[in-house]
PDB file of N, CA and C in Angstrom:
ATOM      1  N   MET A   1      -5.113  -7.491  12.409  1.00  0.00           N
ATOM      2  CA  MET A   1      -4.427  -6.531  11.566  1.00  0.00           C
ATOM      3  C   MET A   1      -5.339  -5.312  11.396  1.00  0.00           C
ATOM      4  N   GLU A   2      -4.804  -4.147  11.706  1.00  0.00           N
ATOM      5  CA  GLU A   2      -5.542  -2.899  11.506  1.00  0.00           C
ATOM      6  C   GLU A   2      -5.269  -2.395  10.089  1.00  0.00           C
ATOM      7  N   THR A   3      -6.305  -1.954   9.405  1.00  0.00           N
ATOM      8  CA  THR A   3      -6.125  -1.438   8.046  1.00  0.00           C
ATOM      9  C   THR A   3      -6.616   0.000   7.967  1.00  0.00           C
ATOM     10  N   LYS A   4      -5.873   0.792   7.212  1.00  0.00           N
ATOM     11  CA  LYS A   4      -6.246   2.182   6.961  1.00  0.00           C
ATOM     12  C   LYS A   4      -6.206   2.407   5.457  1.00  0.00           C
ATOM     13  N   PHE A   5      -7.146   3.175   4.980  1.00  0.00           N
ATOM     14  CA  PHE A   5      -7.217   3.485   3.557  1.00  0.00           C
ATOM     15  C   PHE A   5      -7.092   4.994   3.380  1.00  0.00           C
ATOM     16  N   GLU A   6      -6.050   5.397   2.680  1.00  0.00           N
ATOM     17  CA  GLU A   6      -5.830   6.811   2.416  1.00  0.00           C
ATOM     18  C   GLU A   6      -6.904   7.319   1.456  1.00  0.00           C
ATOM     19  N   ALA A   7      -7.169   8.610   1.504  1.00  0.00           N
ATOM     20  CA  ALA A   7      -8.192   9.224   0.654  1.00  0.00           C
ATOM     21  C   ALA A   7      -7.909   8.983  -0.832  1.00  0.00           C
ATOM     22  N   ALA A   8      -6.644   9.060  -1.227  1.00  0.00           N
ATOM     23  CA  ALA A   8      -6.277   8.852  -2.636  1.00  0.00           C
ATOM     24  C   ALA A   8      -6.607   7.428  -3.084  1.00  0.00           C
ATOM     25  N   PHE A   9      -6.418   6.456  -2.201  1.00  0.00           N
ATOM     26  CA  PHE A   9      -6.738   5.065  -2.523  1.00  0.00           C
ATOM     27  C   PHE A   9      -8.247   4.911  -2.731  1.00  0.00           C
ATOM     28  N   LEU A  10      -9.026   5.432  -1.807  1.00  0.00           N
ATOM     29  CA  LEU A  10     -10.483   5.320  -1.903  1.00  0.00           C
ATOM     30  C   LEU A  10     -11.023   6.036  -3.140  1.00  0.00           C
ATOM     31  N   LYS A  11     -10.448   7.171  -3.451  1.00  0.00           N
ATOM     32  CA  LYS A  11     -10.860   7.918  -4.646  1.00  0.00           C
ATOM     33  C   LYS A  11     -10.576   7.107  -5.910  1.00  0.00           C
ATOM     34  N   SER A  12      -9.413   6.438  -5.939  1.00  0.00           N
ATOM     35  CA  SER A  12      -9.054   5.607  -7.099  1.00  0.00           C
ATOM     36  C   SER A  12      -9.967   4.400  -7.235  1.00  0.00           C
ATOM     37  N   VAL A  13     -10.373   3.825  -6.112  1.00  0.00           N
ATOM     38  CA  VAL A  13     -11.298   2.688  -6.163  1.00  0.00           C
ATOM     39  C   VAL A  13     -12.607   3.125  -6.800  1.00  0.00           C
ATOM     40  N   LYS A  14     -13.101   4.292  -6.424  1.00  0.00           N
ATOM     41  CA  LYS A  14     -14.339   4.809  -7.023  1.00  0.00           C
ATOM     42  C   LYS A  14     -14.147   5.094  -8.516  1.00  0.00           C
ATOM     43  N   LYS A  15     -13.009   5.683  -8.855  1.00  0.00           N
ATOM     44  CA  LYS A  15     -12.729   6.038 -10.247  1.00  0.00           C
ATOM     45  C   LYS A  15     -12.645   4.798 -11.138  1.00  0.00           C
ATOM     46  N   HIS A  16     -12.069   3.737 -10.605  1.00  0.00           N
ATOM     47  CA  HIS A  16     -11.871   2.502 -11.371  1.00  0.00           C
ATOM     48  C   HIS A  16     -12.809   1.405 -10.860  1.00  0.00           C
ATOM     49  N   ALA A  17     -14.081   1.731 -10.783  1.00  0.00           N
ATOM     50  CA  ALA A  17     -15.084   0.825 -10.225  1.00  0.00           C
ATOM     51  C   ALA A  17     -15.168  -0.513 -10.957  1.00  0.00           C
ATOM     52  N   SER A  18     -14.763  -0.549 -12.209  1.00  0.00           N
ATOM     53  CA  SER A  18     -14.855  -1.787 -12.986  1.00  0.00           C
ATOM     54  C   SER A  18     -13.943  -2.895 -12.444  1.00  0.00           C
ATOM     55  N   ILE A  19     -12.931  -2.525 -11.684  1.00  0.00           N
ATOM     56  CA  ILE A  19     -12.029  -3.546 -11.121  1.00  0.00           C
ATOM     57  C   ILE A  19     -12.156  -3.627  -9.597  1.00  0.00           C
ATOM     58  N   LYS A  20     -13.231  -3.110  -9.069  1.00  0.00           N
ATOM     59  CA  LYS A  20     -13.422  -3.067  -7.614  1.00  0.00           C
ATOM     60  C   LYS A  20     -13.327  -4.452  -6.964  1.00  0.00           C
ATOM     61  N   LYS A  21     -13.920  -5.468  -7.603  1.00  0.00           N
ATOM     62  CA  LYS A  21     -13.875  -6.824  -7.034  1.00  0.00           C
ATOM     63  C   LYS A  21     -12.449  -7.369  -7.021  1.00  0.00           C
ATOM     64  N   LEU A  22     -11.685  -7.104  -8.085  1.00  0.00           N
ATOM     65  CA  LEU A  22     -10.284  -7.535  -8.122  1.00  0.00           C
ATOM     66  C   LEU A  22      -9.475  -6.834  -7.042  1.00  0.00           C
ATOM     67  N   VAL A  23      -9.743  -5.554  -6.852  1.00  0.00           N
ATOM     68  CA  VAL A  23      -9.040  -4.778  -5.824  1.00  0.00           C
ATOM     69  C   VAL A  23      -9.359  -5.349  -4.446  1.00  0.00           C
ATOM     70  N   GLN A  24     -10.632  -5.632  -4.183  1.00  0.00           N
ATOM     71  CA  GLN A  24     -11.019  -6.188  -2.884  1.00  0.00           C
ATOM     72  C   GLN A  24     -10.339  -7.530  -2.628  1.00  0.00           C
ATOM     73  N   LYS A  25     -10.259  -8.357  -3.658  1.00  0.00           N
ATOM     74  CA  LYS A  25      -9.595  -9.660  -3.523  1.00  0.00           C
ATOM     75  C   LYS A  25      -8.112  -9.475  -3.174  1.00  0.00           C
ATOM     76  N   LYS A  26      -7.441  -8.546  -3.859  1.00  0.00           N
ATOM     77  CA  LYS A  26      -6.015  -8.296  -3.590  1.00  0.00           C
ATOM     78  C   LYS A  26      -5.818  -7.698  -2.206  1.00  0.00           C
ATOM     79  N   VAL A  27      -6.690  -6.784  -1.806  1.00  0.00           N
ATOM     80  CA  VAL A  27      -6.600  -6.190  -0.464  1.00  0.00           C
ATOM     81  C   VAL A  27      -6.708  -7.282   0.588  1.00  0.00           C
ATOM     82  N   ASP A  28      -7.665  -8.188   0.419  1.00  0.00           N
ATOM     83  CA  ASP A  28      -7.828  -9.296   1.360  1.00  0.00           C
ATOM     84  C   ASP A  28      -6.574 -10.172   1.410  1.00  0.00           C
ATOM     85  N   MET A  29      -5.975 -10.436   0.258  1.00  0.00           N
ATOM     86  CA  MET A  29      -4.758 -11.256   0.200  1.00  0.00           C
ATOM     87  C   MET A  29      -3.586 -10.540   0.872  1.00  0.00           C
ATOM     88  N   ILE A  30      -3.496  -9.237   0.677  1.00  0.00           N
ATOM     89  CA  ILE A  30      -2.428  -8.456   1.308  1.00  0.00           C
ATOM     90  C   ILE A  30      -2.599  -8.460   2.819  1.00  0.00           C
ATOM     91  N   ILE A  31      -3.822  -8.332   3.285  1.00  0.00           N
ATOM     92  CA  ILE A  31      -4.088  -8.359   4.727  1.00  0.00           C
ATOM     93  C   ILE A  31      -3.653  -9.694   5.322  1.00  0.00           C
ATOM     94  N   GLU A  32      -3.875 -10.787   4.601  1.00  0.00           N
ATOM     95  CA  GLU A  32      -3.482 -12.117   5.077  1.00  0.00           C
ATOM     96  C   GLU A  32      -1.971 -12.262   5.200  1.00  0.00           C
ATOM     97  N   ASN A  33      -1.229 -11.728   4.240  1.00  0.00           N
ATOM     98  CA  ASN A  33       0.223 -11.879   4.253  1.00  0.00           C
ATOM     99  C   ASN A  33       0.879 -10.706   3.501  1.00  0.00           C
ATOM    100  N   PRO A  34       1.037  -9.577   4.177  1.00  0.00           N
ATOM    101  CA  PRO A  34       1.506  -8.362   3.496  1.00  0.00           C
ATOM    102  C   PRO A  34       2.909  -8.451   2.904  1.00  0.00           C
ATOM    103  N   ILE A  35       3.798  -9.168   3.536  1.00  0.00           N
ATOM    104  CA  ILE A  35       5.173  -9.237   3.042  1.00  0.00           C
ATOM    105  C   ILE A  35       5.264 -10.135   1.805  1.00  0.00           C
ATOM    106  N   ALA A  36       4.574 -11.269   1.825  1.00  0.00           N
ATOM    107  CA  ALA A  36       4.641 -12.203   0.699  1.00  0.00           C
ATOM    108  C   ALA A  36       3.918 -11.673  -0.538  1.00  0.00           C
ATOM    109  N   MET A  37       2.884 -10.887  -0.350  1.00  0.00           N
ATOM    110  CA  MET A  37       2.092 -10.412  -1.486  1.00  0.00           C
ATOM    111  C   MET A  37       2.736  -9.242  -2.214  1.00  0.00           C
ATOM    112  N   GLY A  38       3.517  -8.458  -1.507  1.00  0.00           N
ATOM    113  CA  GLY A  38       4.043  -7.253  -2.116  1.00  0.00           C
ATOM    114  C   GLY A  38       5.520  -7.302  -2.437  1.00  0.00           C
ATOM    115  N   GLU A  39       5.909  -6.389  -3.287  1.00  0.00           N
ATOM    116  CA  GLU A  39       7.316  -6.232  -3.645  1.00  0.00           C
ATOM    117  C   GLU A  39       7.815  -4.933  -3.004  1.00  0.00           C
ATOM    118  N   PRO A  40       8.876  -5.015  -2.183  1.00  0.00           N
ATOM    119  CA  PRO A  40       9.382  -3.790  -1.562  1.00  0.00           C
ATOM    120  C   PRO A  40       9.943  -2.841  -2.614  1.00  0.00           C
ATOM    121  N   LEU A  41       9.605  -1.582  -2.464  1.00  0.00           N
ATOM    122  CA  LEU A  41      10.079  -0.578  -3.403  1.00  0.00           C
ATOM    123  C   LEU A  41      11.382   0.027  -2.914  1.00  0.00           C
ATOM    124  N   LYS A  42      12.101   0.640  -3.837  1.00  0.00           N
ATOM    125  CA  LYS A  42      13.428   1.185  -3.527  1.00  0.00           C
ATOM    126  C   LYS A  42      13.468   2.670  -3.855  1.00  0.00           C
ATOM    127  N   GLY A  43      14.594   3.255  -3.576  1.00  0.00           N
ATOM    128  CA  GLY A  43      14.812   4.657  -3.921  1.00  0.00           C
ATOM    129  C   GLY A  43      13.927   5.578  -3.102  1.00  0.00           C
ATOM    130  N   ASN A  44      13.327   6.559  -3.766  1.00  0.00           N
ATOM    131  CA  ASN A  44      12.499   7.513  -3.039  1.00  0.00           C
ATOM    132  C   ASN A  44      11.142   6.938  -2.628  1.00  0.00           C
ATOM    133  N   ARG A  45      10.901   5.679  -2.938  1.00  0.00           N
ATOM    134  CA  ARG A  45       9.691   4.986  -2.483  1.00  0.00           C
ATOM    135  C   ARG A  45      10.033   3.893  -1.471  1.00  0.00           C
ATOM    136  N   GLN A  46      11.200   3.993  -0.890  1.00  0.00           N
ATOM    137  CA  GLN A  46      11.663   3.045   0.128  1.00  0.00           C
ATOM    138  C   GLN A  46      10.647   2.980   1.263  1.00  0.00           C
ATOM    139  N   GLY A  47      10.340   1.774   1.712  1.00  0.00           N
ATOM    140  CA  GLY A  47       9.382   1.561   2.789  1.00  0.00           C
ATOM    141  C   GLY A  47       8.006   1.155   2.285  1.00  0.00           C
ATOM    142  N   PHE A  48       7.703   1.478   1.041  1.00  0.00           N
ATOM    143  CA  PHE A  48       6.423   1.119   0.442  1.00  0.00           C
ATOM    144  C   PHE A  48       6.529  -0.246  -0.230  1.00  0.00           C
ATOM    145  N   TYR A  49       5.376  -0.875  -0.434  1.00  0.00           N
ATOM    146  CA  TYR A  49       5.274  -2.129  -1.175  1.00  0.00           C
ATOM    147  C   TYR A  49       4.302  -1.914  -2.328  1.00  0.00           C
ATOM    148  N   SER A  50       4.499  -2.687  -3.391  1.00  0.00           N
ATOM    149  CA  SER A  50       3.535  -2.672  -4.489  1.00  0.00           C
ATOM    150  C   SER A  50       3.038  -4.087  -4.732  1.00  0.00           C
ATOM    151  N   CYS A  51       1.799  -4.168  -5.176  1.00  0.00           N
ATOM    152  CA  CYS A  51       1.188  -5.457  -5.488  1.00  0.00           C
ATOM    153  C   CYS A  51       0.313  -5.267  -6.723  1.00  0.00           C
ATOM    154  N   PRO A  52       0.518  -6.087  -7.751  1.00  0.00           N
ATOM    155  CA  PRO A  52      -0.294  -5.939  -8.962  1.00  0.00           C
ATOM    156  C   PRO A  52      -1.736  -6.393  -8.742  1.00  0.00           C
ATOM    157  N   VAL A  53      -2.661  -5.651  -9.326  1.00  0.00           N
ATOM    158  CA  VAL A  53      -4.076  -6.024  -9.294  1.00  0.00           C
ATOM    159  C   VAL A  53      -4.402  -6.750 -10.585  1.00  0.00           C
ATOM    160  N   LYS A  54      -3.975  -6.170 -11.685  1.00  0.00           N
ATOM    161  CA  LYS A  54      -4.078  -6.796 -12.993  1.00  0.00           C
ATOM    162  C   LYS A  54      -2.925  -6.251 -13.821  1.00  0.00           C
ATOM    163  N   ARG A  55      -2.898  -6.556 -15.056  1.00  0.00           N
ATOM    164  CA  ARG A  55      -1.726  -6.307 -15.905  1.00  0.00           C
ATOM    165  C   ARG A  55      -0.917  -5.050 -15.579  1.00  0.00           C
ATOM    166  N   ASN A  56      -1.504  -3.876 -15.617  1.00  0.00           N
ATOM    167  CA  ASN A  56      -0.713  -2.681 -15.336  1.00  0.00           C
ATOM    168  C   ASN A  56      -1.274  -1.855 -14.182  1.00  0.00           C
ATOM    169  N   PHE A  57      -2.170  -2.432 -13.379  1.00  0.00           N
ATOM    170  CA  PHE A  57      -2.718  -1.751 -12.215  1.00  0.00           C
ATOM    171  C   PHE A  57      -2.051  -2.287 -10.957  1.00  0.00           C
ATOM    172  N   ILE A  58      -1.666  -1.368 -10.063  1.00  0.00           N
ATOM    173  CA  ILE A  58      -1.007  -1.801  -8.832  1.00  0.00           C
ATOM    174  C   ILE A  58      -1.602  -1.097  -7.611  1.00  0.00           C
ATOM    175  N   ILE A  59      -1.383  -1.733  -6.481  1.00  0.00           N
ATOM    176  CA  ILE A  59      -1.713  -1.160  -5.177  1.00  0.00           C
ATOM    177  C   ILE A  59      -0.389  -0.807  -4.512  1.00  0.00           C
ATOM    178  N   ILE A  60      -0.309   0.395  -3.973  1.00  0.00           N
ATOM    179  CA  ILE A  60       0.855   0.818  -3.195  1.00  0.00           C
ATOM    180  C   ILE A  60       0.404   0.855  -1.737  1.00  0.00           C
ATOM    181  N   TYR A  61       1.185   0.207  -0.854  1.00  0.00           N
ATOM    182  CA  TYR A  61       0.807   0.170   0.553  1.00  0.00           C
ATOM    183  C   TYR A  61       2.034   0.173   1.455  1.00  0.00           C
ATOM    184  N   LEU A  62       1.769   0.444   2.731  1.00  0.00           N
ATOM    185  CA  LEU A  62       2.792   0.413   3.770  1.00  0.00           C
ATOM    186  C   LEU A  62       2.403  -0.637   4.797  1.00  0.00           C
ATOM    187  N   TYR A  63       3.372  -1.369   5.291  1.00  0.00           N
ATOM    188  CA  TYR A  63       3.162  -2.288   6.409  1.00  0.00           C
ATOM    189  C   TYR A  63       4.051  -1.767   7.529  1.00  0.00           C
ATOM    190  N   CYS A  64       3.436  -1.197   8.533  1.00  0.00           N
ATOM    191  CA  CYS A  64       4.175  -0.468   9.574  1.00  0.00           C
ATOM    192  C   CYS A  64       5.244  -1.299  10.272  1.00  0.00           C
ATOM    193  N   SER A  65       4.956  -2.549  10.538  1.00  0.00           N
ATOM    194  CA  SER A  65       5.930  -3.411  11.211  1.00  0.00           C
ATOM    195  C   SER A  65       7.209  -3.551  10.391  1.00  0.00           C
ATOM    196  N   ALA A  66       7.072  -3.853   9.113  1.00  0.00           N
ATOM    197  CA  ALA A  66       8.243  -4.010   8.233  1.00  0.00           C
ATOM    198  C   ALA A  66       8.962  -2.679   8.068  1.00  0.00           C
ATOM    199  N   CYS A  67       8.219  -1.613   7.958  1.00  0.00           N
ATOM    200  CA  CYS A  67       8.796  -0.281   7.785  1.00  0.00           C
ATOM    201  C   CYS A  67       9.707   0.059   8.967  1.00  0.00           C
ATOM    202  N   ARG A  68       9.237  -0.218  10.166  1.00  0.00           N
ATOM    203  CA  ARG A  68      10.012   0.085  11.377  1.00  0.00           C
ATOM    204  C   ARG A  68      11.206  -0.842  11.542  1.00  0.00           C
ATOM    205  N   LYS A  69      11.010  -2.133  11.251  1.00  0.00           N
ATOM    206  CA  LYS A  69      12.116  -3.089  11.392  1.00  0.00           C
ATOM    207  C   LYS A  69      13.280  -2.760  10.471  1.00  0.00           C
ATOM    208  N   LYS A  70      12.963  -2.280   9.273  1.00  0.00           N
ATOM    209  CA  LYS A  70      14.002  -1.946   8.294  1.00  0.00           C
ATOM    210  C   LYS A  70      14.574  -0.546   8.502  1.00  0.00           C
ATOM    211  N   GLY A  71      13.952   0.229   9.399  1.00  0.00           N
ATOM    212  CA  GLY A  71      14.397   1.597   9.616  1.00  0.00           C
ATOM    213  C   GLY A  71      13.893   2.563   8.565  1.00  0.00           C
ATOM    214  N   ASP A  72      12.930   2.108   7.757  1.00  0.00           N
ATOM    215  CA  ASP A  72      12.388   2.956   6.697  1.00  0.00           C
ATOM    216  C   ASP A  72      11.458   4.041   7.229  1.00  0.00           C
ATOM    217  N   ASP A  73      11.041   3.912   8.487  1.00  0.00           N
ATOM    218  CA  ASP A  73      10.130   4.906   9.046  1.00  0.00           C
ATOM    219  C   ASP A  73      10.747   6.309   9.065  1.00  0.00           C
ATOM    220  N   ALA A  74      12.069   6.383   9.136  1.00  0.00           N
ATOM    221  CA  ALA A  74      12.744   7.678   9.085  1.00  0.00           C
ATOM    222  C   ALA A  74      12.640   8.297   7.688  1.00  0.00           C
ATOM    223  N   VAL A  75      12.578   7.442   6.668  1.00  0.00           N
ATOM    224  CA  VAL A  75      12.478   7.915   5.282  1.00  0.00           C
ATOM    225  C   VAL A  75      11.025   8.242   4.929  1.00  0.00           C
ATOM    226  N   VAL A  76      10.119   7.348   5.285  1.00  0.00           N
ATOM    227  CA  VAL A  76       8.708   7.520   4.954  1.00  0.00           C
ATOM    228  C   VAL A  76       8.110   8.683   5.750  1.00  0.00           C
ATOM    229  N   ALA A  77       8.420   8.738   7.027  1.00  0.00           N
ATOM    230  CA  ALA A  77       8.006   9.824   7.926  1.00  0.00           C
ATOM    231  C   ALA A  77       6.498  10.083   7.902  1.00  0.00           C
ATOM    232  N   CYS A  78       5.718   9.061   8.187  1.00  0.00           N
ATOM    233  CA  CYS A  78       4.262   9.237   8.281  1.00  0.00           C
ATOM    234  C   CYS A  78       3.945  10.186   9.435  1.00  0.00           C
ATOM    235  N   SER A  79       2.982  11.039   9.239  1.00  0.00           N
ATOM    236  CA  SER A  79       2.625  12.008  10.273  1.00  0.00           C
ATOM    237  C   SER A  79       2.040  11.336  11.517  1.00  0.00           C
ATOM    238  N   ASP A  80       1.442  10.156  11.348  1.00  0.00           N
ATOM    239  CA  ASP A  80       0.838   9.450  12.478  1.00  0.00           C
ATOM    240  C   ASP A  80       1.641   8.224  12.913  1.00  0.00           C
ATOM    241  N   CYS A  81       2.899   8.160  12.566  1.00  0.00           N
ATOM    242  CA  CYS A  81       3.716   6.974  12.828  1.00  0.00           C
ATOM    243  C   CYS A  81       3.754   6.604  14.316  1.00  0.00           C
ATOM    244  N   ARG A  82       3.956   7.560  15.164  1.00  0.00           N
ATOM    245  CA  ARG A  82       4.065   7.269  16.611  1.00  0.00           C
ATOM    246  C   ARG A  82       2.770   6.731  17.192  1.00  0.00           C
ATOM    247  N   ASP A  83       1.645   7.094  16.616  1.00  0.00           N
ATOM    248  CA  ASP A  83       0.338   6.677  17.136  1.00  0.00           C
ATOM    249  C   ASP A  83      -0.201   5.420  16.466  1.00  0.00           C
ATOM    250  N   THR A  84       0.521   4.898  15.480  1.00  0.00           N
ATOM    251  CA  THR A  84       0.052   3.757  14.702  1.00  0.00           C
ATOM    252  C   THR A  84       0.714   2.470  15.188  1.00  0.00           C
ATOM    253  N   PRO A  85      -0.091   1.439  15.514  1.00  0.00           N
ATOM    254  CA  PRO A  85       0.471   0.157  15.951  1.00  0.00           C
ATOM    255  C   PRO A  85       1.273  -0.530  14.835  1.00  0.00           C
ATOM    256  N   ASP A  86       2.187  -1.409  15.228  1.00  0.00           N
ATOM    257  CA  ASP A  86       3.024  -2.147  14.277  1.00  0.00           C
ATOM    258  C   ASP A  86       2.214  -2.971  13.280  1.00  0.00           C
ATOM    259  N   ASN A  87       1.105  -3.542  13.722  1.00  0.00           N
ATOM    260  CA  ASN A  87       0.340  -4.447  12.853  1.00  0.00           C
ATOM    261  C   ASN A  87      -0.655  -3.694  11.964  1.00  0.00           C
ATOM    262  N   THR A  88      -0.262  -2.503  11.513  1.00  0.00           N
ATOM    263  CA  THR A  88      -1.128  -1.687  10.674  1.00  0.00           C
ATOM    264  C   THR A  88      -0.697  -1.737   9.214  1.00  0.00           C
ATOM    265  N   LEU A  89      -1.674  -1.860   8.355  1.00  0.00           N
ATOM    266  CA  LEU A  89      -1.477  -1.773   6.905  1.00  0.00           C
ATOM    267  C   LEU A  89      -2.130  -0.486   6.432  1.00  0.00           C
ATOM    268  N   LYS A  90      -1.393   0.294   5.657  1.00  0.00           N
ATOM    269  CA  LYS A  90      -1.944   1.527   5.094  1.00  0.00           C
ATOM    270  C   LYS A  90      -1.970   1.386   3.578  1.00  0.00           C
ATOM    271  N   PHE A  91      -3.169   1.383   3.026  1.00  0.00           N
ATOM    272  CA  PHE A  91      -3.319   1.330   1.579  1.00  0.00           C
ATOM    273  C   PHE A  91      -3.267   2.762   1.075  1.00  0.00           C
ATOM    274  N   VAL A  92      -2.223   3.067   0.326  1.00  0.00           N
ATOM    275  CA  VAL A  92      -1.908   4.441  -0.043  1.00  0.00           C
ATOM    276  C   VAL A  92      -2.485   4.838  -1.392  1.00  0.00           C
ATOM    277  N   LEU A  93      -2.289   3.994  -2.405  1.00  0.00           N
ATOM    278  CA  LEU A  93      -2.680   4.381  -3.751  1.00  0.00           C
ATOM    279  C   LEU A  93      -3.009   3.168  -4.600  1.00  0.00           C
ATOM    280  N   LEU A  94      -3.890   3.385  -5.552  1.00  0.00           N
ATOM    281  CA  LEU A  94      -4.269   2.377  -6.538  1.00  0.00           C
ATOM    282  C   LEU A  94      -4.269   3.076  -7.886  1.00  0.00           C
ATOM    283  N   GLY A  95      -3.679   2.441  -8.873  1.00  0.00           N
ATOM    284  CA  GLY A  95      -3.732   3.043 -10.188  1.00  0.00           C
ATOM    285  C   GLY A  95      -2.872   2.329 -11.206  1.00  0.00           C
ATOM    286  N   PRO A  96      -2.898   2.833 -12.439  1.00  0.00           N
ATOM    287  CA  PRO A  96      -2.016   2.292 -13.467  1.00  0.00           C
ATOM    288  C   PRO A  96      -0.564   2.431 -13.024  1.00  0.00           C
ATOM    289  N   HIS A  97       0.250   1.519 -13.440  1.00  0.00           N
ATOM    290  CA  HIS A  97       1.649   1.461 -13.025  1.00  0.00           C
ATOM    291  C   HIS A  97       2.351   2.805 -13.115  1.00  0.00           C
ATOM    292  N   ASP A  98       2.288   3.469 -14.258  1.00  0.00           N
ATOM    293  CA  ASP A  98       3.006   4.724 -14.434  1.00  0.00           C
ATOM    294  C   ASP A  98       2.449   5.853 -13.574  1.00  0.00           C
ATOM    295  N   VAL A  99       1.145   5.858 -13.338  1.00  0.00           N
ATOM    296  CA  VAL A  99       0.539   6.884 -12.494  1.00  0.00           C
ATOM    297  C   VAL A  99       0.859   6.638 -11.018  1.00  0.00           C
ATOM    298  N   ALA A 100       0.764   5.381 -10.593  1.00  0.00           N
ATOM    299  CA  ALA A 100       1.003   5.044  -9.192  1.00  0.00           C
ATOM    300  C   ALA A 100       2.425   5.359  -8.746  1.00  0.00           C
ATOM    301  N   TYR A 101       3.383   5.183  -9.612  1.00  0.00           N
ATOM    302  CA  TYR A 101       4.753   5.476  -9.229  1.00  0.00           C
ATOM    303  C   TYR A 101       5.059   6.969  -9.276  1.00  0.00           C
ATOM    304  N   GLY A 102       4.085   7.763  -9.630  1.00  0.00           N
ATOM    305  CA  GLY A 102       4.254   9.203  -9.592  1.00  0.00           C
ATOM    306  C   GLY A 102       3.811   9.801  -8.279  1.00  0.00           C
ATOM    307  N   ILE A 103       3.857   9.013  -7.204  1.00  0.00           N
ATOM    308  CA  ILE A 103       3.400   9.449  -5.877  1.00  0.00           C
ATOM    309  C   ILE A 103       4.059  10.759  -5.503  1.00  0.00           C
TER     310      ILE A 103
END
């Protein structure tokens, strides 16, 4: 599984260093089974998944294979979609629930 971390995700990890170990544990679990760990989002966040880190902190990510199978790639429209293999996970954002959904 290829993993990519967006700049916003990495910046949030640094900002919230106190939960870095919890974030790493969740990232590892998502890499093991991205579909089972996350909840598919709807509406204008179609194609993305969310996974809770702790009470109100979540990780927002994309799993390219699922995105393409569902046809969500037309909605998400990643700039590097054509060059990205199906087995790629993109960690997009980490943050409090209300902030993360303000993508």
